[in-house]
Amino acid sequence: MSILRPFKANDLFRFNNINLDVWTETYGVTFYLTYLSRWSDLCFTQEAPNGRLQGYVLGKAEGVQTDWHGHVTAVTVAPEYRRLSLGRNMCQRLEFVSDEIYKGYYVDLYVRCNNVSAINMYEGMGYSVYQRVREYYGNLGVGKDGRDEEDAFDMRKPLSRDVLLQSIRTNGRDMIVSAHDVS
């Protein structure tokens, strides 16, 4: 049985098996270390009994007043460990900390519109599309119109503080905003 534990700086030397995946966004060392220093209680990794890392989640708390929320910056599971609910478990831990410790109104994340597996997983966890963000991702190579961007869904899950459920909408897929409109 694997364990969910805090993400540590030395895990950066052990997670190539996770990051070498087409769906995984990778960042520079400084980015990871910033998250670990500022929001260490929102960063977790799943580790197999043999010590091999199976997946991780990086999160942060952000926003102002009624928009205060937890954010899933990255959640990924190594291909050989998928379909074991590891991503779900890591996200649930981040949601718990966002709710109980940070007192957020919701948790949000961005996902590529064509990543159907992830969208289905998030919807099964209670997330819904809040809006579609045009040209959010910019690393797929130049397309037919000369651009290299791809849209993302901004998906949100209300937490206990959002008693009026203001962080969700039923027509989120129809609400289209520019990447410049989101931070």
C-alpha atoms as a PDB file:
ATOM      1  CA  MET A   1       0.000   0.000   0.000  1.00  0.00           C
ATOM      2  CA  SER A   2       1.343   3.433  -0.919  1.00  0.00           C
ATOM      3  CA  ILE A   3       1.426   6.475   1.320  1.00  0.00           C
ATOM      4  CA  LEU A   4       0.357  10.065   0.778  1.00  0.00           C
ATOM      5  CA  ARG A   5       2.932  12.362   2.330  1.00  0.00           C
ATOM      6  CA  PRO A   6       4.166  15.958   2.103  1.00  0.00           C
ATOM      7  CA  PHE A   7       6.167  16.776  -1.018  1.00  0.00           C
ATOM      8  CA  LYS A   8       9.812  17.404  -0.095  1.00  0.00           C
ATOM      9  CA  ALA A   9      12.491  19.305  -2.000  1.00  0.00           C
ATOM     10  CA  ASN A  10      14.578  16.161  -2.568  1.00  0.00           C
ATOM     11  CA  ASP A  11      11.582  14.607  -4.380  1.00  0.00           C
ATOM     12  CA  LEU A  12      12.556  16.863  -7.298  1.00  0.00           C
ATOM     13  CA  PHE A  13      15.422  14.433  -7.941  1.00  0.00           C
ATOM     14  CA  ARG A  14      13.083  11.440  -8.015  1.00  0.00           C
ATOM     15  CA  PHE A  15      10.042  12.365 -10.091  1.00  0.00           C
ATOM     16  CA  ASN A  16      11.167  11.944 -13.714  1.00  0.00           C
ATOM     17  CA  ASN A  17       8.954   8.859 -14.068  1.00  0.00           C
ATOM     18  CA  ILE A  18       5.985  11.145 -13.348  1.00  0.00           C
ATOM     19  CA  ASN A  19       6.965  14.254 -15.290  1.00  0.00           C
ATOM     20  CA  LEU A  20       7.870  12.488 -18.543  1.00  0.00           C
ATOM     21  CA  ASP A  21       4.248  12.358 -19.667  1.00  0.00           C
ATOM     22  CA  VAL A  22       2.422  14.247 -22.417  1.00  0.00           C
ATOM     23  CA  TRP A  23      -0.299  15.570 -20.065  1.00  0.00           C
ATOM     24  CA  THR A  24       2.077  16.758 -17.336  1.00  0.00           C
ATOM     25  CA  GLU A  25       3.112  20.400 -17.168  1.00  0.00           C
ATOM     26  CA  THR A  26       6.691  20.659 -16.012  1.00  0.00           C
ATOM     27  CA  TYR A  27       8.295  23.673 -14.424  1.00  0.00           C
ATOM     28  CA  GLY A  28      11.715  24.908 -13.399  1.00  0.00           C
ATOM     29  CA  VAL A  29      13.234  24.017 -10.043  1.00  0.00           C
ATOM     30  CA  THR A  30      12.600  27.538  -8.717  1.00  0.00           C
ATOM     31  CA  PHE A  31       8.876  27.146  -9.390  1.00  0.00           C
ATOM     32  CA  TYR A  32       8.642  23.923  -7.372  1.00  0.00           C
ATOM     33  CA  LEU A  33      10.739  25.339  -4.533  1.00  0.00           C
ATOM     34  CA  THR A  34       8.542  28.443  -4.354  1.00  0.00           C
ATOM     35  CA  TYR A  35       5.475  26.251  -3.877  1.00  0.00           C
ATOM     36  CA  LEU A  36       7.215  24.137  -1.267  1.00  0.00           C
ATOM     37  CA  SER A  37       8.296  27.213   0.684  1.00  0.00           C
ATOM     38  CA  ARG A  38       5.006  29.135   0.477  1.00  0.00           C
ATOM     39  CA  TRP A  39       2.336  26.408   0.443  1.00  0.00           C
ATOM     40  CA  SER A  40       4.055  23.282   1.726  1.00  0.00           C
ATOM     41  CA  ASP A  41       0.791  22.147   3.330  1.00  0.00           C
ATOM     42  CA  LEU A  42      -0.829  22.051  -0.132  1.00  0.00           C
ATOM     43  CA  CYS A  43       1.872  19.954  -1.824  1.00  0.00           C
ATOM     44  CA  PHE A  44       1.787  16.162  -1.568  1.00  0.00           C
ATOM     45  CA  THR A  45       3.282  13.119  -3.193  1.00  0.00           C
ATOM     46  CA  GLN A  46       2.160   9.522  -3.337  1.00  0.00           C
ATOM     47  CA  GLU A  47       4.954   7.021  -2.688  1.00  0.00           C
ATOM     48  CA  ALA A  48       4.981   3.273  -3.311  1.00  0.00           C
ATOM     49  CA  PRO A  49       6.282   0.861  -0.634  1.00  0.00           C
ATOM     50  CA  ASN A  50       9.474   0.442  -2.671  1.00  0.00           C
ATOM     51  CA  GLY A  51      10.119   4.218  -2.476  1.00  0.00           C
ATOM     52  CA  ARG A  52       9.167   4.977  -6.075  1.00  0.00           C
ATOM     53  CA  LEU A  53       7.130   8.159  -6.488  1.00  0.00           C
ATOM     54  CA  GLN A  54       3.739   7.497  -8.040  1.00  0.00           C
ATOM     55  CA  GLY A  55       2.341  11.004  -8.354  1.00  0.00           C
ATOM     56  CA  TYR A  56       2.160  14.457  -6.850  1.00  0.00           C
ATOM     57  CA  VAL A  57      -0.059  17.476  -6.424  1.00  0.00           C
ATOM     58  CA  LEU A  58       1.064  21.099  -6.085  1.00  0.00           C
ATOM     59  CA  GLY A  59      -1.413  23.601  -4.744  1.00  0.00           C
ATOM     60  CA  LYS A  60      -1.667  27.111  -3.425  1.00  0.00           C
ATOM     61  CA  ALA A  61      -4.114  29.432  -1.707  1.00  0.00           C
ATOM     62  CA  GLU A  62      -4.975  32.633  -3.523  1.00  0.00           C
ATOM     63  CA  GLY A  63      -7.590  35.284  -4.188  1.00  0.00           C
ATOM     64  CA  VAL A  64      -9.263  38.015  -2.183  1.00  0.00           C
ATOM     65  CA  GLN A  65     -12.290  38.093   0.145  1.00  0.00           C
ATOM     66  CA  THR A  66     -15.130  35.991  -1.321  1.00  0.00           C
ATOM     67  CA  ASP A  67     -12.836  34.742  -4.080  1.00  0.00           C
ATOM     68  CA  TRP A  68     -10.339  33.221  -1.591  1.00  0.00           C
ATOM     69  CA  HIS A  69      -9.704  29.665  -2.757  1.00  0.00           C
ATOM     70  CA  GLY A  70      -7.395  26.729  -3.099  1.00  0.00           C
ATOM     71  CA  HIS A  71      -5.851  26.113  -6.490  1.00  0.00           C
ATOM     72  CA  VAL A  72      -4.564  22.850  -7.946  1.00  0.00           C
ATOM     73  CA  THR A  73      -1.555  23.975  -9.957  1.00  0.00           C
ATOM     74  CA  ALA A  74      -0.468  20.483 -10.922  1.00  0.00           C
ATOM     75  CA  VAL A  75      -1.709  16.984 -10.267  1.00  0.00           C
ATOM     76  CA  THR A  76      -0.173  14.073 -12.067  1.00  0.00           C
ATOM     77  CA  VAL A  77       0.253  10.345 -11.682  1.00  0.00           C
ATOM     78  CA  ALA A  78       2.871   8.233 -13.429  1.00  0.00           C
ATOM     79  CA  PRO A  79       1.259   6.207 -16.261  1.00  0.00           C
ATOM     80  CA  GLU A  80       1.950   2.858 -14.595  1.00  0.00           C
ATOM     81  CA  TYR A  81       0.021   3.944 -11.472  1.00  0.00           C
ATOM     82  CA  ARG A  82      -3.082   5.410 -13.088  1.00  0.00           C
ATOM     83  CA  ARG A  83      -6.596   4.143 -12.406  1.00  0.00           C
ATOM     84  CA  LEU A  84      -5.789   3.519  -8.723  1.00  0.00           C
ATOM     85  CA  SER A  85      -7.517   6.695  -7.410  1.00  0.00           C
ATOM     86  CA  LEU A  86      -4.164   8.264  -6.501  1.00  0.00           C
ATOM     87  CA  GLY A  87      -4.973  11.556  -8.258  1.00  0.00           C
ATOM     88  CA  ARG A  88      -8.368  11.629  -6.589  1.00  0.00           C
ATOM     89  CA  ASN A  89      -6.845  11.019  -3.145  1.00  0.00           C
ATOM     90  CA  MET A  90      -4.224  13.725  -3.574  1.00  0.00           C
ATOM     91  CA  CYS A  91      -6.843  16.229  -4.735  1.00  0.00           C
ATOM     92  CA  GLN A  92      -9.113  15.351  -1.810  1.00  0.00           C
ATOM     93  CA  ARG A  93      -6.287  16.083   0.616  1.00  0.00           C
ATOM     94  CA  LEU A  94      -5.667  19.450  -1.067  1.00  0.00           C
ATOM     95  CA  GLU A  95      -9.418  20.187  -0.893  1.00  0.00           C
ATOM     96  CA  PHE A  96      -9.477  19.319   2.818  1.00  0.00           C
ATOM     97  CA  VAL A  97      -6.572  21.658   3.623  1.00  0.00           C
ATOM     98  CA  SER A  98      -8.083  24.405   1.433  1.00  0.00           C
ATOM     99  CA  ASP A  99     -11.366  24.073   3.319  1.00  0.00           C
ATOM    100  CA  GLU A 100     -10.247  23.459   6.903  1.00  0.00           C
ATOM    101  CA  ILE A 101      -6.978  25.393   7.123  1.00  0.00           C
ATOM    102  CA  TYR A 102      -7.246  28.139   4.494  1.00  0.00           C
ATOM    103  CA  LYS A 103     -11.050  28.542   4.745  1.00  0.00           C
ATOM    104  CA  GLY A 104     -11.400  28.854   0.984  1.00  0.00           C
ATOM    105  CA  TYR A 105     -14.706  29.156  -0.826  1.00  0.00           C
ATOM    106  CA  TYR A 106     -13.748  26.693  -3.539  1.00  0.00           C
ATOM    107  CA  VAL A 107     -10.884  24.807  -5.182  1.00  0.00           C
ATOM    108  CA  ASP A 108     -10.140  25.405  -8.831  1.00  0.00           C
ATOM    109  CA  LEU A 109      -7.894  23.956 -11.500  1.00  0.00           C
ATOM    110  CA  TYR A 110      -7.252  24.308 -15.209  1.00  0.00           C
ATOM    111  CA  VAL A 111      -7.380  21.363 -17.566  1.00  0.00           C
ATOM    112  CA  ARG A 112      -6.896  21.074 -21.315  1.00  0.00           C
ATOM    113  CA  CYS A 113     -10.276  20.925 -23.034  1.00  0.00           C
ATOM    114  CA  ASN A 114      -9.213  17.792 -24.924  1.00  0.00           C
ATOM    115  CA  ASN A 115      -8.066  15.886 -21.812  1.00  0.00           C
ATOM    116  CA  VAL A 116     -11.322  13.959 -21.548  1.00  0.00           C
ATOM    117  CA  SER A 117     -10.029  11.437 -18.990  1.00  0.00           C
ATOM    118  CA  ALA A 118      -9.024  14.175 -16.551  1.00  0.00           C
ATOM    119  CA  ILE A 119     -12.256  16.121 -17.099  1.00  0.00           C
ATOM    120  CA  ASN A 120     -14.295  12.995 -16.378  1.00  0.00           C
ATOM    121  CA  MET A 121     -12.249  12.328 -13.238  1.00  0.00           C
ATOM    122  CA  TYR A 122     -12.718  15.890 -11.974  1.00  0.00           C
ATOM    123  CA  GLU A 123     -16.437  15.881 -12.721  1.00  0.00           C
ATOM    124  CA  GLY A 124     -16.718  12.604 -10.808  1.00  0.00           C
ATOM    125  CA  MET A 125     -15.068  14.368  -7.872  1.00  0.00           C
ATOM    126  CA  GLY A 126     -17.626  17.198  -7.873  1.00  0.00           C
ATOM    127  CA  TYR A 127     -15.838  19.763 -10.044  1.00  0.00           C
ATOM    128  CA  SER A 128     -17.707  21.544 -12.805  1.00  0.00           C
ATOM    129  CA  VAL A 129     -16.663  23.832 -15.625  1.00  0.00           C
ATOM    130  CA  TYR A 130     -16.861  27.452 -14.516  1.00  0.00           C
ATOM    131  CA  GLN A 131     -15.560  28.912 -17.782  1.00  0.00           C
ATOM    132  CA  ARG A 132     -13.554  28.147 -20.886  1.00  0.00           C
ATOM    133  CA  VAL A 133     -10.281  30.057 -21.104  1.00  0.00           C
ATOM    134  CA  ARG A 134      -9.178  30.757 -24.660  1.00  0.00           C
ATOM    135  CA  GLU A 135      -5.527  30.142 -25.503  1.00  0.00           C
ATOM    136  CA  TYR A 136      -4.563  29.266 -21.921  1.00  0.00           C
ATOM    137  CA  TYR A 137      -1.884  26.752 -22.903  1.00  0.00           C
ATOM    138  CA  GLY A 138       0.818  27.775 -25.320  1.00  0.00           C
ATOM    139  CA  ASN A 139       3.112  24.830 -25.880  1.00  0.00           C
ATOM    140  CA  LEU A 140       1.609  22.559 -28.510  1.00  0.00           C
ATOM    141  CA  GLY A 141       3.352  23.895 -31.595  1.00  0.00           C
ATOM    142  CA  VAL A 142       2.003  26.235 -34.229  1.00  0.00           C
ATOM    143  CA  GLY A 143      -1.473  25.398 -35.482  1.00  0.00           C
ATOM    144  CA  LYS A 144      -3.153  26.100 -38.806  1.00  0.00           C
ATOM    145  CA  ASP A 145      -3.870  29.723 -37.893  1.00  0.00           C
ATOM    146  CA  GLY A 146      -0.277  30.453 -36.895  1.00  0.00           C
ATOM    147  CA  ARG A 147      -1.001  30.261 -33.174  1.00  0.00           C
ATOM    148  CA  ASP A 148       0.349  27.785 -30.673  1.00  0.00           C
ATOM    149  CA  GLU A 149      -2.323  28.006 -27.991  1.00  0.00           C
ATOM    150  CA  GLU A 150      -4.915  25.617 -26.633  1.00  0.00           C
ATOM    151  CA  ASP A 151      -8.013  26.312 -24.534  1.00  0.00           C
ATOM    152  CA  ALA A 152      -8.510  25.199 -20.943  1.00  0.00           C
ATOM    153  CA  PHE A 153     -11.519  24.617 -18.754  1.00  0.00           C
ATOM    154  CA  ASP A 154     -11.447  26.447 -15.433  1.00  0.00           C
ATOM    155  CA  MET A 155     -13.070  23.817 -13.212  1.00  0.00           C
ATOM    156  CA  ARG A 156     -14.244  24.526  -9.675  1.00  0.00           C
ATOM    157  CA  LYS A 157     -15.524  22.648  -6.680  1.00  0.00           C
ATOM    158  CA  PRO A 158     -17.298  24.541  -3.900  1.00  0.00           C
ATOM    159  CA  LEU A 159     -16.094  24.129  -0.323  1.00  0.00           C
ATOM    160  CA  SER A 160     -18.136  24.417   2.870  1.00  0.00           C
ATOM    161  CA  ARG A 161     -17.734  28.201   3.080  1.00  0.00           C
ATOM    162  CA  ASP A 162     -19.520  28.685  -0.290  1.00  0.00           C
ATOM    163  CA  VAL A 163     -23.002  28.058   1.104  1.00  0.00           C
ATOM    164  CA  LEU A 164     -24.646  29.964  -1.788  1.00  0.00           C
ATOM    165  CA  LEU A 165     -22.666  27.943  -4.390  1.00  0.00           C
ATOM    166  CA  GLN A 166     -21.474  31.098  -6.118  1.00  0.00           C
ATOM    167  CA  SER A 167     -18.330  29.372  -7.342  1.00  0.00           C
ATOM    168  CA  ILE A 168     -20.205  27.172  -9.810  1.00  0.00           C
ATOM    169  CA  ARG A 169     -22.418  27.764 -12.826  1.00  0.00           C
ATOM    170  CA  THR A 170     -24.479  25.429 -14.946  1.00  0.00           C
ATOM    171  CA  ASN A 171     -23.456  26.975 -18.267  1.00  0.00           C
ATOM    172  CA  GLY A 172     -19.700  27.178 -17.661  1.00  0.00           C
ATOM    173  CA  ARG A 173     -18.734  25.589 -20.975  1.00  0.00           C
ATOM    174  CA  ASP A 174     -20.522  28.457 -22.734  1.00  0.00           C
ATOM    175  CA  MET A 175     -18.746  31.170 -20.724  1.00  0.00           C
ATOM    176  CA  ILE A 176     -15.642  32.017 -22.756  1.00  0.00           C
ATOM    177  CA  VAL A 177     -12.935  34.355 -21.491  1.00  0.00           C
ATOM    178  CA  SER A 178      -9.473  35.305 -22.666  1.00  0.00           C
ATOM    179  CA  ALA A 179      -6.370  33.973 -20.965  1.00  0.00           C
ATOM    180  CA  HIS A 180      -5.571  37.615 -20.221  1.00  0.00           C
ATOM    181  CA  ASP A 181      -8.729  37.829 -18.071  1.00  0.00           C
ATOM    182  CA  VAL A 182      -7.594  35.152 -15.611  1.00  0.00           C
ATOM    183  CA  SER A 183      -4.580  35.306 -13.337  1.00  0.00           C
END
